[in-house]
Amino acid sequence: MKAIVIGAGVIGAGVAYRLAEAGADVTILEADRVGGGTSATSFAWTNSHGKEPREYHDLNVRGMKAHVALAEEFQGWRWFHPCGSIEWCGETTEDRERQARNVERLKSWDYAIDWITRKELGELEPDIDLGKLGDAPITFCPQEGYVDPVIYAAVMMREAIKRGAKLEQRAKVADLEIRNGAVRGARTKDGALHEADIVINCAGRWADRVTQDPGLRLPLAPTTGFIVFTPPVATTVTHLVHSPFVNFRPDGAGRLMLHNTDIDDETTLEMTPRPDMPQALAIMRHTAELMPALKGVKPEAARITARAIPQDGLSAIGPA
């Protein structure tokens, strides 16, 4: 079977690896470079924390388990960090009730989530100023974690190529080749036709642009995300942390990745991200208020991305 995979990010590289492993003749068409698109600007949180309905939640739990299994399959490559995540919510009654309902729902679905004390939080993350939490209830999800997406994509692509897959970079797909009502390949922007028995669309935030055929277009409703990176800092943060002010996680070599949902709404894809832009400085300030060790630290980098979210909010999987 000849297969074309469009996109060489986390999804595309993983699909290419499994297809090549199964014996398919695989060609990967990547518009830029491996892991350089949507995957390069992702918080990459492995979770099923707020996923509804139940079927979608279960799918995400299966994904979490698959990450564990894949990490065991490729021991020695440290792209997966099953560190657990910590969360506390805002001060309003509505915030607390929403959190309690979510915990009750997740527990009823046998999801690993527990209430923890301020003392336990201090033991997990000693750099956090506990005084900033007030009396906020705190949860811990021990089976959640995060992925280093570019490392993951690179390893999967390397393994796919070892098994005969062919990678074409700077090969942007302009349209699909359709014959007798069936997709039979893809045409790249340079006019080249790549024929195949099956084409898998893994183009991330550009997944709705790989064909002009209205019957095959994947409707997306992308949202803008804004993330900030610190320089290497002297902290011992080891978990994902979600607070009302800022979300953060380790990002390697002593750096932290920072995110604030409210500030997402202040950014657009037309902006040029800079570490000195007001939005980046605001996120850094929120983080330093929570962790005094970061006082005076300036952002090292900022990125703006569009999350690849289908219009109905659910995963787009299977034949079109």
Protein backbone atom coordinates (compact mmCIF):
# COMPACT_ATOMS: atom_id res chain seq x y z
CA MET A 1 0.00 0.00 0.00
CA LYS A 2 1.26 3.46 -0.92
CA ALA A 3 0.47 6.08 1.69
CA ILE A 4 1.00 9.84 1.84
CA VAL A 5 1.11 11.61 5.19
CA ILE A 6 0.62 15.37 5.04
CA GLY A 7 2.54 17.03 7.85
CA ALA A 8 5.52 15.95 9.95
CA GLY A 9 4.51 17.16 13.37
CA VAL A 10 3.65 14.99 16.36
CA ILE A 11 0.63 13.39 14.67
CA GLY A 12 2.09 13.04 11.20
CA ALA A 13 5.41 11.62 12.38
CA GLY A 14 3.65 9.11 14.63
CA VAL A 15 1.30 8.02 11.85
CA ALA A 16 4.20 7.71 9.41
CA TYR A 17 6.13 5.52 11.85
CA ARG A 18 3.25 3.11 12.44
CA LEU A 19 2.44 2.88 8.72
CA ALA A 20 6.08 2.18 7.83
CA GLU A 21 6.30 -0.34 10.66
CA ALA A 22 3.28 -2.13 9.17
CA GLY A 23 5.02 -2.36 5.79
CA ALA A 24 3.38 0.50 3.89
CA ASP A 25 5.26 2.50 1.26
CA VAL A 26 5.12 5.89 3.01
CA THR A 27 5.88 9.40 1.76
CA ILE A 28 5.66 12.33 4.17
CA LEU A 29 4.99 15.75 2.62
CA GLU A 30 6.02 18.52 5.03
CA ALA A 31 5.55 22.19 4.15
CA ASP A 32 8.49 23.30 6.28
CA ARG A 33 10.52 21.11 8.65
CA VAL A 34 9.85 18.22 11.03
CA GLY A 35 8.06 19.47 14.14
CA GLY A 36 8.25 23.07 12.95
CA GLY A 37 4.53 23.89 12.68
CA THR A 38 1.76 23.49 15.24
CA SER A 39 3.85 21.07 17.30
CA ALA A 40 6.62 23.63 17.86
CA THR A 41 4.32 25.97 19.76
CA SER A 42 2.32 23.58 21.93
CA PHE A 43 1.98 23.33 25.71
CA ALA A 44 1.76 19.57 24.95
CA TRP A 45 -0.17 18.63 28.10
CA THR A 46 -1.18 14.95 28.11
CA ASN A 47 -4.48 14.82 29.93
CA SER A 48 -8.20 14.14 29.84
CA HIS A 49 -8.96 16.75 32.45
CA GLY A 50 -11.85 18.66 30.92
CA LYS A 51 -12.79 16.42 28.02
CA GLU A 52 -16.47 15.73 27.44
CA PRO A 53 -18.55 13.76 26.49
CA ARG A 54 -17.47 10.48 28.06
CA GLU A 55 -16.42 8.94 24.72
CA TYR A 56 -14.05 11.85 24.06
CA HIS A 57 -12.69 11.57 27.59
CA ASP A 58 -12.04 7.85 27.11
CA LEU A 59 -10.25 8.53 23.81
CA ASN A 60 -7.92 10.98 25.56
CA VAL A 61 -7.25 8.49 28.37
CA ARG A 62 -6.27 5.94 25.73
CA GLY A 63 -3.92 8.56 24.30
CA MET A 64 -2.32 9.06 27.70
CA LYS A 65 -1.77 5.32 28.04
CA ALA A 66 -0.36 5.17 24.50
CA HIS A 67 2.25 7.79 25.44
CA VAL A 68 3.35 5.62 28.35
CA ALA A 69 3.56 2.53 26.12
CA LEU A 70 5.47 4.39 23.39
CA ALA A 71 7.97 5.77 25.89
CA GLU A 72 8.60 2.20 27.08
CA GLU A 73 9.01 1.10 23.45
CA PHE A 74 11.70 3.75 22.91
CA GLN A 75 13.53 3.71 26.21
CA GLY A 76 16.42 6.13 26.27
CA TRP A 77 14.56 8.92 24.47
CA ARG A 78 13.18 11.34 27.05
CA TRP A 79 10.41 13.18 25.22
CA PHE A 80 7.64 12.11 27.62
CA HIS A 81 7.42 13.47 31.17
CA PRO A 82 4.66 11.80 33.24
CA CYS A 83 5.20 14.27 36.07
CA GLY A 84 1.62 14.90 37.18
CA SER A 85 -0.25 18.20 37.23
CA ILE A 86 -1.36 20.53 40.00
CA GLU A 87 -4.33 22.89 39.82
CA TRP A 88 -6.20 25.37 41.95
CA CYS A 89 -8.97 27.72 40.86
CA GLY A 90 -10.11 31.26 41.53
CA GLU A 91 -11.80 32.68 44.60
CA THR A 92 -15.42 32.92 43.47
CA THR A 93 -18.12 30.49 44.53
CA GLU A 94 -18.73 29.72 40.86
CA ASP A 95 -15.04 28.80 40.38
CA ARG A 96 -15.06 26.49 43.41
CA GLU A 97 -18.32 24.81 42.43
CA ARG A 98 -17.08 24.24 38.87
CA GLN A 99 -13.87 22.69 40.20
CA ALA A 100 -15.78 20.43 42.61
CA ARG A 101 -18.12 19.23 39.84
CA ASN A 102 -15.17 18.47 37.58
CA VAL A 103 -13.41 16.46 40.29
CA GLU A 104 -16.60 14.54 41.07
CA ARG A 105 -17.11 13.74 37.37
CA LEU A 106 -13.52 12.61 36.85
CA LYS A 107 -13.58 10.42 39.96
CA SER A 108 -16.82 8.80 38.78
CA TRP A 109 -15.01 7.98 35.53
CA ASP A 110 -12.11 6.40 37.47
CA TYR A 111 -9.70 9.17 36.47
CA ALA A 112 -6.70 9.67 38.74
CA ILE A 113 -7.36 12.96 40.56
CA ASP A 114 -7.02 13.77 44.25
CA TRP A 115 -7.43 16.71 46.60
CA ILE A 116 -4.13 17.67 48.23
CA THR A 117 -3.25 19.98 51.11
CA ARG A 118 -1.19 23.17 51.02
CA LYS A 119 1.53 21.26 52.86
CA GLU A 120 1.56 18.60 50.14
CA LEU A 121 1.71 21.28 47.47
CA GLY A 122 4.70 22.82 49.23
CA GLU A 123 6.43 19.45 49.19
CA LEU A 124 5.70 18.96 45.48
CA GLU A 125 6.65 22.50 44.43
CA PRO A 126 8.61 24.29 47.17
CA ASP A 127 9.23 27.40 45.02
CA ILE A 128 5.54 28.37 45.05
CA ASP A 129 4.52 31.06 47.55
CA LEU A 130 1.66 29.27 49.33
CA GLY A 131 0.40 32.58 50.67
CA LYS A 132 -0.79 33.48 47.16
CA LEU A 133 -3.30 30.61 47.16
CA GLY A 134 -5.50 31.82 49.98
CA ASP A 135 -7.87 28.98 50.89
CA ALA A 136 -8.13 27.62 47.34
CA PRO A 137 -8.74 23.85 47.11
CA ILE A 138 -5.90 22.10 45.27
CA THR A 139 -6.01 19.02 43.03
CA PHE A 140 -3.27 16.70 41.80
CA CYS A 141 -3.50 14.42 38.75
CA PRO A 142 -0.56 12.00 39.04
CA GLN A 143 -0.94 10.40 35.60
CA GLU A 144 -0.89 13.60 33.57
CA GLY A 145 2.27 14.97 32.01
CA TYR A 146 3.73 16.66 28.97
CA VAL A 147 5.65 15.88 25.80
CA ASP A 148 8.65 17.54 24.16
CA PRO A 149 6.92 17.65 20.76
CA VAL A 150 9.86 18.33 18.47
CA ILE A 151 11.99 15.58 20.02
CA TYR A 152 9.04 13.19 19.75
CA ALA A 153 8.46 14.07 16.09
CA ALA A 154 12.16 13.74 15.28
CA VAL A 155 12.42 10.26 16.83
CA MET A 156 9.24 9.01 15.15
CA MET A 157 10.39 10.37 11.79
CA ARG A 158 13.82 8.82 12.17
CA GLU A 159 12.24 5.44 12.92
CA ALA A 160 9.83 5.77 9.99
CA ILE A 161 12.71 6.54 7.62
CA LYS A 162 14.63 3.55 8.98
CA ARG A 163 11.69 1.45 7.84
CA GLY A 164 11.69 2.87 4.33
CA ALA A 165 9.56 6.01 4.62
CA LYS A 166 10.52 8.98 2.44
CA LEU A 167 10.45 12.51 3.85
CA GLU A 168 10.03 15.51 1.55
CA GLN A 169 10.48 18.83 3.32
CA ARG A 170 9.52 22.23 1.86
CA ALA A 171 6.80 20.28 0.04
CA LYS A 172 3.57 22.19 0.70
CA VAL A 173 0.40 20.40 -0.41
CA ALA A 174 -1.81 22.60 -2.60
CA ASP A 175 -4.61 20.12 -3.32
CA LEU A 176 -5.60 16.47 -3.34
CA GLU A 177 -5.73 14.34 -6.48
CA ILE A 178 -9.25 12.91 -6.85
CA ARG A 179 -10.21 10.28 -9.43
CA ASN A 180 -13.59 8.56 -9.72
CA GLY A 181 -14.63 10.04 -6.39
CA ALA A 182 -11.62 8.72 -4.48
CA VAL A 183 -8.47 10.45 -3.25
CA ARG A 184 -5.50 9.07 -5.17
CA GLY A 185 -2.69 11.38 -4.13
CA ALA A 186 -1.64 14.95 -3.45
CA ARG A 187 -0.24 17.81 -5.51
CA THR A 188 2.39 20.04 -3.98
CA LYS A 189 2.72 23.76 -4.57
CA ASP A 190 5.41 23.19 -7.22
CA GLY A 191 2.91 21.18 -9.29
CA ALA A 192 4.36 17.74 -8.55
CA LEU A 193 1.87 14.88 -8.25
CA HIS A 194 2.45 12.30 -5.51
CA GLU A 195 0.22 9.28 -6.07
CA ALA A 196 -0.98 6.99 -3.30
CA ASP A 197 -3.68 4.56 -2.28
CA ILE A 198 -4.41 6.55 0.86
CA VAL A 199 -3.70 10.11 2.03
CA ILE A 200 -3.68 11.02 5.73
CA ASN A 201 -4.20 14.67 6.63
CA CYS A 202 -1.99 15.56 9.62
CA ALA A 203 -1.44 19.20 8.70
CA GLY A 204 -2.37 20.66 12.09
CA ARG A 205 -3.71 24.21 11.97
CA TRP A 206 -3.47 24.05 8.15
CA ALA A 207 -5.54 20.85 7.88
CA ASP A 208 -8.42 22.77 6.28
CA ARG A 209 -6.19 24.02 3.45
CA VAL A 210 -4.91 20.80 1.86
CA THR A 211 -7.79 20.54 -0.61
CA GLN A 212 -10.10 22.82 -2.55
CA ASP A 213 -12.83 20.14 -2.62
CA PRO A 214 -15.66 21.34 -0.33
CA GLY A 215 -16.66 17.75 0.40
CA LEU A 216 -13.24 16.96 1.84
CA ARG A 217 -12.42 20.17 3.66
CA LEU A 218 -11.96 19.71 7.40
CA PRO A 219 -13.77 22.54 9.20
CA LEU A 220 -11.57 24.02 11.91
CA ALA A 221 -12.23 26.55 14.65
CA PRO A 222 -8.67 27.38 15.72
CA THR A 223 -7.99 29.44 18.80
CA THR A 224 -4.95 31.62 19.32
CA GLY A 225 -2.43 30.62 21.97
CA PHE A 226 0.36 32.74 23.45
CA ILE A 227 3.26 31.13 25.28
CA VAL A 228 6.31 32.65 26.94
CA PHE A 229 9.67 31.08 27.76
CA THR A 230 11.96 32.09 30.59
CA PRO A 231 15.74 31.93 30.41
CA PRO A 232 17.34 29.19 32.55
CA VAL A 233 16.28 30.01 36.11
CA ALA A 234 17.19 28.61 39.53
CA THR A 235 13.93 26.83 40.32
CA THR A 236 13.04 23.21 41.01
CA VAL A 237 9.70 23.12 39.17
CA THR A 238 8.96 19.54 38.13
CA HIS A 239 5.17 19.45 37.52
CA LEU A 240 2.62 21.11 35.30
CA VAL A 241 1.01 23.85 37.39
CA HIS A 242 -2.36 25.45 36.57
CA SER A 243 -3.36 28.51 38.58
CA PRO A 244 -5.87 31.34 38.01
CA PHE A 245 -2.95 33.64 37.12
CA VAL A 246 -0.59 31.53 35.02
CA ASN A 247 0.02 27.97 33.84
CA PHE A 248 3.58 26.71 33.60
CA ARG A 249 5.76 23.66 33.19
CA PRO A 250 9.47 22.84 32.78
CA ASP A 251 10.84 23.28 29.27
CA GLY A 252 14.33 21.86 29.60
CA ALA A 253 17.73 23.26 30.64
CA GLY A 254 16.17 25.19 33.53
CA ARG A 255 13.67 27.07 31.38
CA LEU A 256 9.93 27.32 32.07
CA MET A 257 7.08 27.54 29.56
CA LEU A 258 4.36 29.97 30.68
CA HIS A 259 0.77 30.45 29.54
CA ASN A 260 -2.24 32.53 30.54
CA THR A 261 -5.63 31.84 28.93
CA ASP A 262 -6.90 35.41 29.36
CA ILE A 263 -3.87 36.82 27.56
CA ASP A 264 -4.54 34.48 24.62
CA ASP A 265 -7.48 36.77 23.83
CA GLU A 266 -5.14 39.77 23.59
CA THR A 267 -3.02 38.26 20.82
CA THR A 268 -3.57 37.57 17.13
CA LEU A 269 -1.67 35.58 14.52
CA GLU A 270 -0.85 38.85 12.76
CA MET A 271 1.28 40.00 15.71
CA THR A 272 5.03 39.45 15.74
CA PRO A 273 5.81 37.76 19.08
CA ARG A 274 8.56 39.44 21.09
CA PRO A 275 9.77 38.78 24.63
CA ASP A 276 9.37 42.48 25.49
CA MET A 277 5.75 42.81 24.32
CA PRO A 278 3.27 43.78 27.08
CA GLN A 279 1.53 40.40 27.04
CA ALA A 280 4.81 38.54 27.64
CA LEU A 281 5.81 40.89 30.45
CA ALA A 282 2.39 40.48 32.08
CA ILE A 283 2.69 36.67 32.10
CA MET A 284 6.21 36.93 33.52
CA ARG A 285 4.95 39.26 36.25
CA HIS A 286 2.14 36.86 37.21
CA THR A 287 4.65 34.02 37.43
CA ALA A 288 7.08 36.00 39.59
CA GLU A 289 4.26 36.90 41.99
CA LEU A 290 3.62 33.19 42.46
CA MET A 291 7.30 32.17 42.55
CA PRO A 292 9.54 34.82 44.16
CA ALA A 293 12.65 33.10 42.74
CA LEU A 294 11.68 34.57 39.36
CA LYS A 295 11.54 38.18 40.55
CA GLY A 296 13.40 40.39 38.08
CA VAL A 297 13.62 37.67 35.42
CA LYS A 298 12.68 38.82 31.92
CA PRO A 299 11.15 36.60 29.22
CA GLU A 300 13.62 35.02 26.84
CA ALA A 301 11.15 34.28 24.02
CA ALA A 302 7.47 34.39 23.10
CA ARG A 303 5.43 32.51 20.52
CA ILE A 304 1.95 32.85 19.08
CA THR A 305 0.20 29.81 17.69
CA ALA A 306 -3.17 28.66 16.43
CA ARG A 307 -4.40 25.49 18.09
CA ALA A 308 -5.67 22.94 15.58
CA ILE A 309 -9.21 22.46 16.90
CA PRO A 310 -11.98 20.96 14.71
CA GLN A 311 -15.17 22.98 14.54
CA ASP A 312 -17.11 20.54 16.74
CA GLY A 313 -14.31 20.44 19.33
CA LEU A 314 -13.73 16.71 18.88
CA SER A 315 -10.94 14.73 17.24
CA ALA A 316 -11.15 14.28 13.46
CA ILE A 317 -10.21 10.64 12.90
CA GLY A 318 -11.03 8.16 10.15
CA PRO A 319 -11.87 8.20 6.43
CA ALA A 320 -13.53 11.23 4.88
